[in-house]
N, C-alpha and C. Protein backbone atom coordinates (compact mmCIF):
# COMPACT_ATOMS: atom_id res chain seq x y z
N MET A 1 20.52 -20.54 -11.08
CA MET A 1 19.26 -20.26 -10.43
C MET A 1 19.50 -19.33 -9.24
N PRO A 2 18.69 -18.27 -9.11
CA PRO A 2 18.91 -17.33 -8.01
C PRO A 2 18.58 -17.95 -6.66
N LEU A 3 19.29 -17.51 -5.66
CA LEU A 3 19.05 -17.98 -4.30
C LEU A 3 17.70 -17.48 -3.80
N VAL A 4 17.39 -16.21 -4.02
CA VAL A 4 16.10 -15.62 -3.63
C VAL A 4 15.24 -15.53 -4.88
N THR A 5 14.05 -16.11 -4.82
CA THR A 5 13.20 -16.17 -6.02
C THR A 5 12.02 -15.21 -5.98
N ALA A 6 11.73 -14.61 -4.82
CA ALA A 6 10.60 -13.69 -4.73
C ALA A 6 10.76 -12.84 -3.48
N CYS A 7 10.01 -11.75 -3.45
CA CYS A 7 9.97 -10.87 -2.28
C CYS A 7 8.51 -10.63 -1.93
N VAL A 8 8.22 -10.67 -0.66
CA VAL A 8 6.88 -10.38 -0.17
C VAL A 8 7.01 -9.31 0.90
N VAL A 9 6.29 -8.21 0.76
CA VAL A 9 6.24 -7.19 1.80
C VAL A 9 5.16 -7.62 2.78
N VAL A 10 5.52 -7.69 4.06
CA VAL A 10 4.60 -8.17 5.10
C VAL A 10 4.28 -7.03 6.05
N LEU A 11 2.99 -6.76 6.24
CA LEU A 11 2.54 -5.74 7.18
C LEU A 11 1.95 -6.43 8.40
N ASP A 12 2.41 -6.06 9.59
CA ASP A 12 1.82 -6.58 10.82
C ASP A 12 0.55 -5.79 11.12
N CYS A 13 -0.46 -6.50 11.60
CA CYS A 13 -1.72 -5.85 11.92
C CYS A 13 -2.54 -6.77 12.83
N ALA A 14 -3.53 -6.22 13.48
CA ALA A 14 -4.36 -7.02 14.39
C ALA A 14 -5.33 -7.93 13.64
N GLU A 15 -5.80 -7.49 12.47
CA GLU A 15 -6.81 -8.25 11.73
C GLU A 15 -6.38 -8.42 10.26
N PRO A 16 -5.55 -9.42 9.98
CA PRO A 16 -5.03 -9.57 8.62
C PRO A 16 -6.10 -9.81 7.56
N GLU A 17 -7.16 -10.50 7.92
CA GLU A 17 -8.22 -10.77 6.94
C GLU A 17 -8.85 -9.46 6.45
N LYS A 18 -9.13 -8.56 7.37
CA LYS A 18 -9.75 -7.28 7.00
C LYS A 18 -8.79 -6.40 6.20
N LEU A 19 -7.54 -6.36 6.60
CA LEU A 19 -6.57 -5.53 5.88
C LEU A 19 -6.32 -6.10 4.49
N ALA A 20 -6.32 -7.42 4.35
CA ALA A 20 -6.14 -8.04 3.03
C ALA A 20 -7.27 -7.64 2.09
N VAL A 21 -8.49 -7.54 2.60
CA VAL A 21 -9.62 -7.13 1.76
C VAL A 21 -9.39 -5.72 1.21
N PHE A 22 -8.92 -4.81 2.06
CA PHE A 22 -8.64 -3.44 1.62
C PHE A 22 -7.67 -3.45 0.44
N TYR A 23 -6.53 -4.12 0.60
CA TYR A 23 -5.52 -4.13 -0.46
C TYR A 23 -5.94 -4.97 -1.67
N LYS A 24 -6.69 -6.05 -1.46
CA LYS A 24 -7.19 -6.82 -2.60
C LYS A 24 -8.06 -5.95 -3.49
N GLU A 25 -8.93 -5.15 -2.88
CA GLU A 25 -9.82 -4.28 -3.65
C GLU A 25 -9.04 -3.14 -4.29
N LEU A 26 -8.14 -2.52 -3.55
CA LEU A 26 -7.37 -1.40 -4.08
C LEU A 26 -6.51 -1.83 -5.26
N LEU A 27 -5.88 -3.01 -5.17
CA LEU A 27 -4.96 -3.48 -6.20
C LEU A 27 -5.59 -4.47 -7.17
N GLN A 28 -6.86 -4.77 -6.97
CA GLN A 28 -7.54 -5.79 -7.77
C GLN A 28 -6.69 -7.07 -7.80
N ALA A 29 -6.34 -7.52 -6.61
CA ALA A 29 -5.43 -8.66 -6.43
C ALA A 29 -6.21 -9.93 -6.08
N GLN A 30 -5.47 -11.03 -6.02
CA GLN A 30 -6.02 -12.33 -5.67
C GLN A 30 -5.31 -12.85 -4.42
N GLU A 31 -6.07 -13.55 -3.55
CA GLU A 31 -5.44 -14.22 -2.42
C GLU A 31 -4.63 -15.39 -2.94
N THR A 32 -3.44 -15.57 -2.40
CA THR A 32 -2.62 -16.71 -2.81
C THR A 32 -2.32 -17.66 -1.67
N ASP A 33 -2.42 -17.17 -0.43
CA ASP A 33 -2.11 -18.02 0.72
C ASP A 33 -2.87 -17.48 1.91
N VAL A 34 -3.56 -18.35 2.62
CA VAL A 34 -4.30 -17.95 3.81
C VAL A 34 -4.04 -18.98 4.90
N SER A 35 -3.65 -18.50 6.07
CA SER A 35 -3.50 -19.37 7.24
C SER A 35 -4.11 -18.65 8.43
N ALA A 36 -4.00 -19.23 9.59
CA ALA A 36 -4.60 -18.63 10.78
C ALA A 36 -4.01 -17.26 11.10
N ASN A 37 -2.75 -17.03 10.73
CA ASN A 37 -2.10 -15.78 11.11
C ASN A 37 -1.53 -14.99 9.95
N LEU A 38 -1.82 -15.39 8.72
CA LEU A 38 -1.24 -14.70 7.57
C LEU A 38 -2.17 -14.81 6.36
N VAL A 39 -2.32 -13.70 5.66
CA VAL A 39 -3.02 -13.69 4.38
C VAL A 39 -2.08 -13.04 3.38
N GLU A 40 -1.85 -13.69 2.25
CA GLU A 40 -0.99 -13.15 1.20
C GLU A 40 -1.81 -12.90 -0.05
N ILE A 41 -1.50 -11.81 -0.74
CA ILE A 41 -2.17 -11.49 -2.00
C ILE A 41 -1.13 -11.23 -3.07
N ARG A 42 -1.56 -11.34 -4.34
CA ARG A 42 -0.68 -11.05 -5.47
C ARG A 42 -1.48 -10.20 -6.47
N ALA A 43 -0.91 -9.06 -6.85
CA ALA A 43 -1.53 -8.18 -7.83
C ALA A 43 -1.17 -8.64 -9.24
N ALA A 44 -1.87 -8.13 -10.21
CA ALA A 44 -1.64 -8.53 -11.60
C ALA A 44 -0.21 -8.27 -12.05
N ASP A 45 0.44 -7.22 -11.51
CA ASP A 45 1.81 -6.91 -11.92
C ASP A 45 2.85 -7.73 -11.16
N GLY A 46 2.40 -8.66 -10.30
CA GLY A 46 3.31 -9.52 -9.56
C GLY A 46 3.60 -9.07 -8.14
N LEU A 47 3.19 -7.86 -7.76
CA LEU A 47 3.41 -7.37 -6.41
C LEU A 47 2.79 -8.35 -5.41
N ARG A 48 3.57 -8.72 -4.41
CA ARG A 48 3.08 -9.63 -3.37
C ARG A 48 3.10 -8.89 -2.04
N LEU A 49 1.95 -8.89 -1.37
CA LEU A 49 1.82 -8.33 -0.03
C LEU A 49 1.24 -9.40 0.88
N ALA A 50 1.68 -9.41 2.12
CA ALA A 50 1.11 -10.31 3.12
C ALA A 50 0.78 -9.51 4.37
N PHE A 51 -0.16 -10.02 5.12
CA PHE A 51 -0.65 -9.36 6.32
C PHE A 51 -0.59 -10.39 7.44
N ARG A 52 0.26 -10.09 8.44
CA ARG A 52 0.53 -11.04 9.52
C ARG A 52 -0.14 -10.58 10.80
N ARG A 53 -0.81 -11.52 11.46
CA ARG A 53 -1.51 -11.20 12.71
C ARG A 53 -0.51 -10.89 13.81
N ASP A 54 -0.70 -9.75 14.45
CA ASP A 54 0.05 -9.34 15.63
C ASP A 54 -0.95 -8.63 16.52
N VAL A 55 -1.44 -9.33 17.54
CA VAL A 55 -2.49 -8.76 18.38
C VAL A 55 -2.03 -7.51 19.12
N ASN A 56 -0.73 -7.30 19.20
CA ASN A 56 -0.19 -6.11 19.87
C ASN A 56 0.27 -5.05 18.87
N ALA A 57 -0.12 -5.18 17.61
CA ALA A 57 0.32 -4.23 16.59
C ALA A 57 -0.13 -2.82 16.96
N THR A 58 0.78 -1.89 16.81
CA THR A 58 0.50 -0.48 17.05
C THR A 58 0.61 0.24 15.72
N PRO A 59 -0.44 0.94 15.29
CA PRO A 59 -0.34 1.64 14.00
C PRO A 59 0.81 2.64 13.99
N PRO A 60 1.49 2.75 12.87
CA PRO A 60 2.54 3.77 12.76
C PRO A 60 1.93 5.16 12.97
N SER A 61 2.75 6.09 13.39
CA SER A 61 2.25 7.43 13.69
C SER A 61 2.73 8.47 12.70
N TRP A 62 3.34 8.04 11.60
CA TRP A 62 3.88 8.98 10.64
C TRP A 62 2.81 9.97 10.22
N PRO A 63 3.09 11.25 10.14
CA PRO A 63 4.41 11.88 10.14
C PRO A 63 4.91 12.29 11.52
N ARG A 64 4.20 11.95 12.58
CA ARG A 64 4.70 12.27 13.92
C ARG A 64 5.88 11.35 14.24
N PRO A 65 6.87 11.81 15.02
CA PRO A 65 8.09 11.02 15.23
C PRO A 65 7.91 9.78 16.11
N GLU A 66 6.95 9.76 17.01
CA GLU A 66 6.81 8.59 17.86
C GLU A 66 6.30 7.39 17.04
N ASN A 67 6.79 6.24 17.36
CA ASN A 67 6.40 4.97 16.73
C ASN A 67 6.78 4.88 15.26
N SER A 68 7.54 5.74 14.73
CA SER A 68 8.17 5.71 13.41
C SER A 68 7.28 5.32 12.24
N LEU A 69 7.89 5.27 11.09
CA LEU A 69 7.19 4.94 9.84
C LEU A 69 6.99 3.44 9.70
N GLN A 70 7.94 2.64 10.05
CA GLN A 70 7.91 1.18 10.00
C GLN A 70 7.97 0.61 8.59
N VAL A 71 7.14 1.05 7.69
CA VAL A 71 7.14 0.58 6.30
C VAL A 71 6.45 1.64 5.47
N HIS A 72 6.78 1.68 4.20
CA HIS A 72 6.14 2.66 3.33
C HIS A 72 5.98 2.06 1.94
N LEU A 73 4.81 2.20 1.37
CA LEU A 73 4.51 1.70 0.03
C LEU A 73 4.17 2.87 -0.87
N ASP A 74 4.59 2.81 -2.12
CA ASP A 74 4.19 3.78 -3.14
C ASP A 74 3.38 3.04 -4.18
N PHE A 75 2.22 3.57 -4.53
CA PHE A 75 1.39 3.01 -5.59
C PHE A 75 1.33 4.03 -6.72
N LEU A 76 1.68 3.61 -7.92
CA LEU A 76 1.64 4.49 -9.08
C LEU A 76 0.24 4.46 -9.66
N VAL A 77 -0.34 5.64 -9.89
CA VAL A 77 -1.71 5.75 -10.38
C VAL A 77 -1.78 6.76 -11.51
N GLU A 78 -2.76 6.61 -12.37
CA GLU A 78 -2.98 7.56 -13.45
C GLU A 78 -3.78 8.77 -12.97
N ASP A 79 -4.78 8.54 -12.11
CA ASP A 79 -5.70 9.58 -11.67
C ASP A 79 -5.67 9.65 -10.15
N LEU A 80 -4.99 10.65 -9.60
CA LEU A 80 -4.86 10.78 -8.15
C LEU A 80 -6.19 10.96 -7.45
N ASP A 81 -7.08 11.76 -8.02
CA ASP A 81 -8.38 12.00 -7.38
C ASP A 81 -9.18 10.71 -7.30
N ALA A 82 -9.24 9.95 -8.38
CA ALA A 82 -10.00 8.71 -8.40
C ALA A 82 -9.39 7.69 -7.44
N ALA A 83 -8.07 7.60 -7.40
CA ALA A 83 -7.40 6.66 -6.50
C ALA A 83 -7.65 7.02 -5.05
N GLU A 84 -7.59 8.31 -4.72
CA GLU A 84 -7.84 8.73 -3.35
C GLU A 84 -9.29 8.45 -2.95
N ARG A 85 -10.23 8.69 -3.85
CA ARG A 85 -11.64 8.37 -3.56
C ARG A 85 -11.80 6.88 -3.27
N ARG A 86 -11.13 6.03 -4.05
CA ARG A 86 -11.23 4.59 -3.85
C ARG A 86 -10.65 4.18 -2.50
N VAL A 87 -9.54 4.78 -2.11
CA VAL A 87 -8.95 4.51 -0.80
C VAL A 87 -9.96 4.80 0.31
N VAL A 88 -10.63 5.94 0.23
CA VAL A 88 -11.61 6.33 1.25
C VAL A 88 -12.80 5.38 1.22
N GLU A 89 -13.29 5.02 0.03
CA GLU A 89 -14.41 4.07 -0.09
C GLU A 89 -14.09 2.75 0.59
N LEU A 90 -12.82 2.32 0.54
CA LEU A 90 -12.41 1.04 1.09
C LEU A 90 -12.07 1.10 2.58
N GLY A 91 -12.17 2.29 3.19
CA GLY A 91 -11.91 2.42 4.62
C GLY A 91 -10.59 3.04 4.98
N GLY A 92 -9.79 3.42 3.99
CA GLY A 92 -8.54 4.12 4.25
C GLY A 92 -8.82 5.60 4.46
N ARG A 93 -7.75 6.37 4.63
CA ARG A 93 -7.95 7.81 4.80
C ARG A 93 -6.76 8.57 4.25
N PRO A 94 -7.04 9.79 3.77
CA PRO A 94 -5.92 10.63 3.34
C PRO A 94 -5.18 11.16 4.56
N LEU A 95 -3.88 11.34 4.41
CA LEU A 95 -3.08 11.97 5.45
C LEU A 95 -2.90 13.43 5.04
N GLU A 96 -2.14 14.17 5.79
CA GLU A 96 -1.92 15.58 5.47
C GLU A 96 -1.57 15.69 4.00
N ALA A 97 -2.41 16.35 3.24
CA ALA A 97 -2.27 16.38 1.78
C ALA A 97 -1.49 17.62 1.34
N LYS A 98 -0.25 17.40 0.96
CA LYS A 98 0.57 18.45 0.37
C LYS A 98 1.32 17.81 -0.76
N ASP A 99 1.44 18.50 -1.87
CA ASP A 99 2.22 17.95 -2.97
C ASP A 99 3.68 17.87 -2.56
N GLY A 100 4.29 16.73 -2.83
CA GLY A 100 5.68 16.54 -2.50
C GLY A 100 6.57 17.31 -3.44
N PRO A 101 7.81 17.56 -3.02
CA PRO A 101 8.73 18.25 -3.92
C PRO A 101 9.12 17.35 -5.08
N GLY A 102 9.53 17.93 -6.16
CA GLY A 102 9.98 17.14 -7.29
C GLY A 102 8.94 17.08 -8.40
N PRO A 103 9.22 16.28 -9.41
CA PRO A 103 8.40 16.29 -10.61
C PRO A 103 7.10 15.50 -10.52
N TYR A 104 6.87 14.73 -9.44
CA TYR A 104 5.70 13.88 -9.36
C TYR A 104 4.73 14.38 -8.29
N GLU A 105 3.48 14.43 -8.62
CA GLU A 105 2.47 14.79 -7.65
C GLU A 105 2.19 13.55 -6.79
N GLU A 106 2.07 13.73 -5.49
CA GLU A 106 1.87 12.62 -4.56
C GLU A 106 0.80 12.97 -3.54
N ARG A 107 0.17 11.92 -2.99
CA ARG A 107 -0.77 12.10 -1.89
C ARG A 107 -0.54 10.99 -0.88
N GLY A 108 -0.39 11.39 0.38
CA GLY A 108 -0.21 10.41 1.45
C GLY A 108 -1.55 9.89 1.92
N CYS A 109 -1.62 8.59 2.19
CA CYS A 109 -2.84 7.95 2.68
C CYS A 109 -2.45 6.92 3.73
N SER A 110 -3.45 6.39 4.43
CA SER A 110 -3.21 5.25 5.31
C SER A 110 -4.30 4.23 5.09
N ASP A 111 -3.94 2.98 5.32
CA ASP A 111 -4.92 1.90 5.21
C ASP A 111 -5.75 1.85 6.50
N PRO A 112 -6.76 1.00 6.57
CA PRO A 112 -7.60 0.96 7.78
C PRO A 112 -6.85 0.62 9.07
N ALA A 113 -5.69 -0.03 8.98
CA ALA A 113 -4.91 -0.36 10.17
C ALA A 113 -3.88 0.71 10.51
N GLY A 114 -3.79 1.78 9.70
CA GLY A 114 -2.89 2.89 10.00
C GLY A 114 -1.56 2.88 9.26
N HIS A 115 -1.27 1.88 8.41
CA HIS A 115 -0.02 1.87 7.64
C HIS A 115 -0.10 2.94 6.56
N SER A 116 0.93 3.75 6.47
CA SER A 116 0.92 4.82 5.48
C SER A 116 1.41 4.32 4.13
N PHE A 117 0.93 4.96 3.09
CA PHE A 117 1.40 4.71 1.73
C PHE A 117 1.18 5.97 0.92
N THR A 118 1.81 6.00 -0.25
CA THR A 118 1.71 7.17 -1.12
C THR A 118 1.07 6.77 -2.43
N LEU A 119 0.13 7.58 -2.87
CA LEU A 119 -0.39 7.49 -4.23
C LEU A 119 0.45 8.47 -5.03
N ARG A 120 1.14 7.98 -6.03
CA ARG A 120 2.04 8.83 -6.82
C ARG A 120 1.63 8.76 -8.27
N ARG A 121 1.49 9.93 -8.87
CA ARG A 121 1.12 9.97 -10.29
C ARG A 121 2.17 9.24 -11.10
N ALA A 122 1.70 8.30 -11.91
CA ALA A 122 2.61 7.52 -12.77
C ALA A 122 3.23 8.45 -13.80
N ARG A 123 4.49 8.27 -14.03
CA ARG A 123 5.19 9.09 -15.02
C ARG A 123 4.68 8.70 -16.40
N GLN A 124 4.31 9.67 -17.17
CA GLN A 124 3.86 9.42 -18.52
C GLN A 124 5.06 9.19 -19.43
N ALA A 125 4.99 8.16 -20.22
CA ALA A 125 6.08 7.89 -21.18
C ALA A 125 6.09 8.98 -22.23
N ALA A 126 7.26 9.51 -22.47
CA ALA A 126 7.39 10.54 -23.49
C ALA A 126 7.29 9.89 -24.87
N PRO A 127 6.65 10.57 -25.81
CA PRO A 127 6.59 10.00 -27.16
C PRO A 127 7.98 9.91 -27.78
N LYS A 128 8.20 8.89 -28.57
CA LYS A 128 9.49 8.73 -29.22
C LYS A 128 9.72 9.87 -30.20
N GLN A 129 10.93 10.36 -30.20
CA GLN A 129 11.31 11.46 -31.09
C GLN A 129 12.04 10.89 -32.28
N GLY A 130 11.72 11.43 -33.45
CA GLY A 130 12.48 11.10 -34.63
C GLY A 130 12.01 9.98 -35.36
């Protein structure tokens, strides 16, 4: 039996209930644990995110160097335009939009509390040859 059985990415924020709603809607997730200072959600693919109350939380300033990145999430999507529209509808915002280098198209966004994340076009499976 493994010593570690799960991983939860925890984002500090001033209002965990509000931030959990943003990610629940974006990921079509379910709440799994709620307390006075923490809300945890689980997406259909098993991704677990939690939002911990920190009344002194300072939003990351990425891409500016002060206050660093702190954490970064990548979400794989089929339709970048539709995903970005949904982020904005939910209260997030696009960051400086430039396609990243390499084979995948990406768009930087931030959630309502200022945590940055990337919407990255999901790699299409190549058809089997032969």
